[in-house]
C-alpha atoms as a PDB file:
ATOM      1  CA  MET A   1      61.587  -0.465 -67.216  1.00  0.00           C
ATOM      2  CA  HIS A   2      59.015  -2.803 -68.461  1.00  0.00           C
ATOM      3  CA  LYS A   3      56.350  -1.415 -70.650  1.00  0.00           C
ATOM      4  CA  ASN A   4      54.303  -4.571 -70.275  1.00  0.00           C
ATOM      5  CA  PRO A   5      52.090  -4.255 -67.257  1.00  0.00           C
ATOM      6  CA  ALA A   6      51.566  -7.976 -66.879  1.00  0.00           C
ATOM      7  CA  ASN A   7      55.357  -8.366 -66.135  1.00  0.00           C
ATOM      8  CA  ALA A   8      55.633  -5.074 -64.035  1.00  0.00           C
ATOM      9  CA  PRO A   9      56.359  -5.703 -60.283  1.00  0.00           C
ATOM     10  CA  ALA A  10      53.848  -4.781 -57.635  1.00  0.00           C
ATOM     11  CA  SER A  11      54.071  -1.080 -56.960  1.00  0.00           C
ATOM     12  CA  ALA A  12      54.205  -1.236 -53.166  1.00  0.00           C
ATOM     13  CA  PRO A  13      56.927  -3.332 -51.325  1.00  0.00           C
ATOM     14  CA  SER A  14      55.605  -6.413 -49.760  1.00  0.00           C
ATOM     15  CA  HIS A  15      56.503  -5.137 -46.158  1.00  0.00           C
ATOM     16  CA  ALA A  16      54.310  -2.231 -46.452  1.00  0.00           C
ATOM     17  CA  SER A  17      51.172  -4.447 -46.448  1.00  0.00           C
ATOM     18  CA  GLY A  18      51.838  -5.863 -43.018  1.00  0.00           C
ATOM     19  CA  PRO A  19      50.228  -4.851 -39.838  1.00  0.00           C
ATOM     20  CA  SER A  20      52.302  -1.804 -39.455  1.00  0.00           C
ATOM     21  CA  GLY A  21      52.362  -0.653 -43.087  1.00  0.00           C
ATOM     22  CA  SER A  22      50.367   2.243 -44.352  1.00  0.00           C
ATOM     23  CA  SER A  23      49.269   1.045 -47.592  1.00  0.00           C
ATOM     24  CA  GLY A  24      46.353  -1.635 -47.780  1.00  0.00           C
ATOM     25  CA  ALA A  25      45.594  -4.581 -45.452  1.00  0.00           C
ATOM     26  CA  ALA A  26      47.431  -7.740 -45.998  1.00  0.00           C
ATOM     27  CA  GLY A  27      45.439 -10.083 -48.224  1.00  0.00           C
ATOM     28  CA  SER A  28      43.299  -7.446 -49.621  1.00  0.00           C
ATOM     29  CA  PRO A  29      42.501  -8.293 -53.396  1.00  0.00           C
ATOM     30  CA  GLY A  30      44.426  -6.310 -55.871  1.00  0.00           C
ATOM     31  CA  GLY A  31      46.330  -4.213 -53.278  1.00  0.00           C
ATOM     32  CA  SER A  32      43.532  -2.031 -52.779  1.00  0.00           C
ATOM     33  CA  ALA A  33      43.280  -0.058 -49.432  1.00  0.00           C
ATOM     34  CA  ALA A  34      40.965  -1.905 -46.908  1.00  0.00           C
ATOM     35  CA  ALA A  35      38.978  -0.020 -44.431  1.00  0.00           C
ATOM     36  CA  ALA A  36      40.705   1.008 -41.156  1.00  0.00           C
ATOM     37  CA  PRO A  37      40.238  -1.358 -38.251  1.00  0.00           C
ATOM     38  CA  LYS A  38      37.062  -0.760 -36.342  1.00  0.00           C
ATOM     39  CA  PRO A  39      37.536   1.230 -32.965  1.00  0.00           C
ATOM     40  CA  VAL A  40      37.660  -0.932 -29.957  1.00  0.00           C
ATOM     41  CA  GLY A  41      34.266  -0.248 -28.821  1.00  0.00           C
ATOM     42  CA  GLU A  42      32.598  -1.472 -32.095  1.00  0.00           C
ATOM     43  CA  ARG A  43      34.397  -4.841 -31.895  1.00  0.00           C
ATOM     44  CA  GLY A  44      31.705  -7.286 -30.542  1.00  0.00           C
ATOM     45  CA  ARG A  45      28.180  -7.113 -29.862  1.00  0.00           C
ATOM     46  CA  THR A  46      26.257  -6.123 -26.573  1.00  0.00           C
ATOM     47  CA  ALA A  47      23.189  -7.965 -25.828  1.00  0.00           C
ATOM     48  CA  LEU A  48      20.690  -6.609 -23.378  1.00  0.00           C
ATOM     49  CA  ALA A  49      18.139  -8.676 -21.497  1.00  0.00           C
ATOM     50  CA  VAL A  50      14.533  -7.452 -21.561  1.00  0.00           C
ATOM     51  CA  GLY A  51      14.500  -7.298 -17.798  1.00  0.00           C
ATOM     52  CA  VAL A  52      17.328  -4.519 -17.951  1.00  0.00           C
ATOM     53  CA  VAL A  53      15.155  -2.260 -20.080  1.00  0.00           C
ATOM     54  CA  GLU A  54      12.160  -2.993 -17.854  1.00  0.00           C
ATOM     55  CA  LYS A  55      14.030  -2.088 -14.658  1.00  0.00           C
ATOM     56  CA  ILE A  56      15.394   1.162 -16.229  1.00  0.00           C
ATOM     57  CA  ALA A  57      11.994   2.217 -17.506  1.00  0.00           C
ATOM     58  CA  GLY A  58      10.337   1.279 -14.072  1.00  0.00           C
ATOM     59  CA  MET A  59      12.911   3.437 -12.233  1.00  0.00           C
ATOM     60  CA  ALA A  60      12.350   6.338 -14.657  1.00  0.00           C
ATOM     61  CA  ALA A  61       8.583   6.123 -14.330  1.00  0.00           C
ATOM     62  CA  ARG A  62       8.738   6.056 -10.619  1.00  0.00           C
ATOM     63  CA  GLU A  63      10.699   9.437 -10.523  1.00  0.00           C
ATOM     64  CA  VAL A  64       7.526  11.107 -11.779  1.00  0.00           C
ATOM     65  CA  SER A  65       5.446  12.393  -9.156  1.00  0.00           C
ATOM     66  CA  GLY A  66       1.759  11.573  -9.567  1.00  0.00           C
ATOM     67  CA  ILE A  67       2.114   7.747  -9.980  1.00  0.00           C
ATOM     68  CA  HIS A  68       0.797   5.607  -7.286  1.00  0.00           C
ATOM     69  CA  ALA A  69       1.853   2.308  -8.477  1.00  0.00           C
ATOM     70  CA  LEU A  70       2.910   0.261 -11.628  1.00  0.00           C
ATOM     71  CA  GLY A  71       1.268  -2.679 -12.913  1.00  0.00           C
ATOM     72  CA  SER A  72      -2.549  -3.929 -13.115  1.00  0.00           C
ATOM     73  CA  GLY A  73      -4.209  -5.136 -10.150  1.00  0.00           C
ATOM     74  CA  LEU A  74      -3.408  -8.786 -10.790  1.00  0.00           C
ATOM     75  CA  ALA A  75       0.263  -8.006 -11.156  1.00  0.00           C
ATOM     76  CA  ARG A  76       0.484  -5.938  -8.153  1.00  0.00           C
ATOM     77  CA  THR A  77      -1.105  -8.577  -6.205  1.00  0.00           C
ATOM     78  CA  PHE A  78       1.364 -11.212  -7.316  1.00  0.00           C
ATOM     79  CA  GLY A  79       4.221  -8.787  -6.735  1.00  0.00           C
ATOM     80  CA  ALA A  80       3.240  -7.954  -3.375  1.00  0.00           C
ATOM     81  CA  MET A  81       3.137 -11.540  -2.574  1.00  0.00           C
ATOM     82  CA  ARG A  82       6.452 -12.306  -4.024  1.00  0.00           C
ATOM     83  CA  ASP A  83       7.999  -9.327  -2.119  1.00  0.00           C
ATOM     84  CA  ARG A  84       6.892 -11.091   0.982  1.00  0.00           C
ATOM     85  CA  VAL A  85       8.577 -14.203   0.447  1.00  0.00           C
ATOM     86  CA  PRO A  86      11.854 -14.831   2.338  1.00  0.00           C
ATOM     87  CA  GLY A  87      14.756 -14.346  -0.143  1.00  0.00           C
ATOM     88  CA  GLY A  88      12.461 -12.841  -2.632  1.00  0.00           C
ATOM     89  CA  ARG A  89      13.197  -9.379  -4.241  1.00  0.00           C
ATOM     90  CA  SER A  90      10.865  -6.604  -5.255  1.00  0.00           C
ATOM     91  CA  SER A  91      10.426  -6.272  -8.973  1.00  0.00           C
ATOM     92  CA  VAL A  92      11.352  -2.771 -10.215  1.00  0.00           C
ATOM     93  CA  GLY A  93      10.106  -3.678 -13.500  1.00  0.00           C
ATOM     94  CA  ARG A  94       6.488  -4.704 -12.400  1.00  0.00           C
ATOM     95  CA  GLY A  95       3.972  -3.155 -14.792  1.00  0.00           C
ATOM     96  CA  ILE A  96       6.627  -2.881 -17.390  1.00  0.00           C
ATOM     97  CA  LYS A  97       6.808  -4.872 -20.605  1.00  0.00           C
ATOM     98  CA  ALA A  98       9.658  -4.363 -23.241  1.00  0.00           C
ATOM     99  CA  GLU A  99      10.480  -5.597 -26.517  1.00  0.00           C
ATOM    100  CA  VAL A 100      14.183  -5.421 -27.210  1.00  0.00           C
ATOM    101  CA  GLY A 101      16.004  -5.712 -30.628  1.00  0.00           C
ATOM    102  CA  GLU A 102      19.665  -5.063 -31.528  1.00  0.00           C
ATOM    103  CA  LYS A 103      19.144  -1.345 -31.981  1.00  0.00           C
ATOM    104  CA  GLN A 104      15.615  -0.547 -30.985  1.00  0.00           C
ATOM    105  CA  THR A 105      13.040  -1.091 -28.140  1.00  0.00           C
ATOM    106  CA  ALA A 106       9.295  -0.604 -27.332  1.00  0.00           C
ATOM    107  CA  ILE A 107       7.952  -0.424 -24.020  1.00  0.00           C
ATOM    108  CA  ASP A 108       4.404  -0.881 -22.575  1.00  0.00           C
ATOM    109  CA  ILE A 109       3.721   0.521 -18.967  1.00  0.00           C
ATOM    110  CA  ALA A 110       0.566  -0.026 -16.749  1.00  0.00           C
ATOM    111  CA  LEU A 111       0.140   2.330 -13.968  1.00  0.00           C
ATOM    112  CA  VAL A 112      -2.183   3.654 -11.305  1.00  0.00           C
ATOM    113  CA  VAL A 113      -2.354   7.390 -10.804  1.00  0.00           C
ATOM    114  CA  GLU A 114      -3.096   9.612  -7.748  1.00  0.00           C
ATOM    115  CA  TYR A 115      -6.480  11.221  -7.935  1.00  0.00           C
ATOM    116  CA  GLY A 116      -6.284  14.911  -9.169  1.00  0.00           C
ATOM    117  CA  VAL A 117      -3.315  14.510 -11.464  1.00  0.00           C
ATOM    118  CA  VAL A 118      -3.686  15.684 -14.977  1.00  0.00           C
ATOM    119  CA  ILE A 119      -3.268  12.394 -16.836  1.00  0.00           C
ATOM    120  CA  PRO A 120      -2.137  13.626 -20.327  1.00  0.00           C
ATOM    121  CA  GLU A 121       0.614  15.733 -18.678  1.00  0.00           C
ATOM    122  CA  LEU A 122       1.690  12.853 -16.466  1.00  0.00           C
ATOM    123  CA  ALA A 123       1.763  10.433 -19.359  1.00  0.00           C
ATOM    124  CA  ARG A 124       3.796  13.030 -21.280  1.00  0.00           C
ATOM    125  CA  GLN A 125       6.253  13.292 -18.317  1.00  0.00           C
ATOM    126  CA  VAL A 126       6.386   9.451 -17.860  1.00  0.00           C
ATOM    127  CA  ARG A 127       7.093   8.977 -21.441  1.00  0.00           C
ATOM    128  CA  GLU A 128       9.628  11.569 -21.779  1.00  0.00           C
ATOM    129  CA  ASN A 129      11.571  10.272 -18.536  1.00  0.00           C
ATOM    130  CA  ILE A 130      11.489   6.723 -19.712  1.00  0.00           C
ATOM    131  CA  ILE A 131      12.812   7.369 -23.240  1.00  0.00           C
ATOM    132  CA  ASN A 132      15.560   9.744 -21.855  1.00  0.00           C
ATOM    133  CA  ALA A 133      16.748   7.204 -19.099  1.00  0.00           C
ATOM    134  CA  VAL A 134      16.618   3.999 -21.453  1.00  0.00           C
ATOM    135  CA  GLU A 135      18.264   5.643 -24.571  1.00  0.00           C
ATOM    136  CA  ARG A 136      21.096   7.266 -22.249  1.00  0.00           C
ATOM    137  CA  MET A 137      21.803   4.003 -20.462  1.00  0.00           C
ATOM    138  CA  THR A 138      21.518   1.420 -23.077  1.00  0.00           C
ATOM    139  CA  GLY A 139      22.084   3.146 -26.397  1.00  0.00           C
ATOM    140  CA  LEU A 140      18.930   1.626 -27.655  1.00  0.00           C
ATOM    141  CA  GLU A 141      16.386   3.929 -29.504  1.00  0.00           C
ATOM    142  CA  VAL A 142      12.866   3.945 -27.987  1.00  0.00           C
ATOM    143  CA  VAL A 143      10.394   3.676 -30.806  1.00  0.00           C
ATOM    144  CA  GLU A 144       7.497   4.012 -28.698  1.00  0.00           C
ATOM    145  CA  VAL A 145       6.270   4.003 -24.991  1.00  0.00           C
ATOM    146  CA  ASN A 146       2.628   2.907 -24.748  1.00  0.00           C
ATOM    147  CA  ILE A 147       0.936   3.994 -21.335  1.00  0.00           C
ATOM    148  CA  ALA A 148      -2.265   2.259 -19.958  1.00  0.00           C
ATOM    149  CA  VAL A 149      -3.752   3.916 -16.880  1.00  0.00           C
ATOM    150  CA  ASN A 150      -5.534   1.040 -15.173  1.00  0.00           C
ATOM    151  CA  ASP A 151      -6.843   2.851 -12.224  1.00  0.00           C
ATOM    152  CA  VAL A 152      -7.007   6.056  -9.947  1.00  0.00           C
ATOM    153  CA  HIS A 153      -5.931   5.955  -6.534  1.00  0.00           C
ATOM    154  CA  LEU A 154      -8.433   7.995  -4.265  1.00  0.00           C
ATOM    155  CA  PRO A 155      -6.984   9.490  -1.069  1.00  0.00           C
ATOM    156  CA  ASP A 156      -9.306   7.771   1.219  1.00  0.00           C
ATOM    157  CA  GLU A 157      -8.798   4.357  -0.329  1.00  0.00           C
ATOM    158  CA  PRO A 158      -6.852   1.845   1.650  1.00  0.00           C
ATOM    159  CA  GLU A 159      -3.301   0.584   0.396  1.00  0.00           C
ATOM    160  CA  PHE A 160      -3.310  -2.725  -1.198  1.00  0.00           C
ATOM    161  CA  GLU A 161      -1.141  -4.071   1.784  1.00  0.00           C
ATOM    162  CA  GLU A 162      -3.640  -3.091   4.420  1.00  0.00           C
ATOM    163  CA  GLU A 163      -6.393  -4.849   2.237  1.00  0.00           C
ATOM    164  CA  GLU A 164      -4.170  -7.997   2.087  1.00  0.00           C
ATOM    165  CA  GLU A 165      -3.690  -8.014   5.848  1.00  0.00           C
ATOM    166  CA  GLN A 166      -7.264  -8.061   6.683  1.00  0.00           C
ATOM    167  CA  MET A 167      -7.663 -11.159   4.401  1.00  0.00           C
ATOM    168  CA  VAL A 168      -8.644 -14.144   6.380  1.00  0.00           C
ATOM    169  CA  PRO A 169      -5.845 -17.076   6.472  1.00  0.00           C
ATOM    170  CA  SER A 170      -6.541 -20.013   4.371  1.00  0.00           C
ATOM    171  CA  GLY A 171      -8.552 -22.898   6.135  1.00  0.00           C
ATOM    172  CA  GLN A 172     -10.288 -20.399   8.485  1.00  0.00           C
ATOM    173  CA  ARG A 173     -13.855 -19.045   8.042  1.00  0.00           C
ATOM    174  CA  PRO A 174     -14.307 -15.311   8.243  1.00  0.00           C
ATOM    175  CA  LYS A 175     -16.174 -14.114  11.371  1.00  0.00           C
ATOM    176  CA  LEU A 176     -19.744 -12.768  10.470  1.00  0.00           C
ATOM    177  CA  LYS A 177     -20.853  -9.366  11.793  1.00  0.00           C
END
């Protein structure tokens, strides 16, 4: 036995530091035990597009009764026109704007409510539904959901599509009454 630690052999056999060994990982300094390998689900990065979060939030908001439409008047106008273009698809995320980071997201939503609903209660339900859906489906922490109520839809108001159909085609003068 050697009393001099400088000349002493390594305490662990060299085959124990390989991939199937139980003492430290190969190449670890000083033979110290390295952390266990990461679980398979943590190896790599998942990036979520902003549109994914916006669609999830839009669907979650539409599940709450009392919402007439999502988006401001201008967004709804352009969205309705886009929906009518052949090959176009409806935008579930219309009226939703999200900022997405690696672990957190913030969401802004603009909506039109039905006349008679209690707006603070509706806002609470929408916020809760969006937070639950986005956190469950994406794993992101929702730090805030800002809600802007842009209009109240009255029962006797015509729908936007009905108003659009009554518009005069371009190049023609409207008939005077």
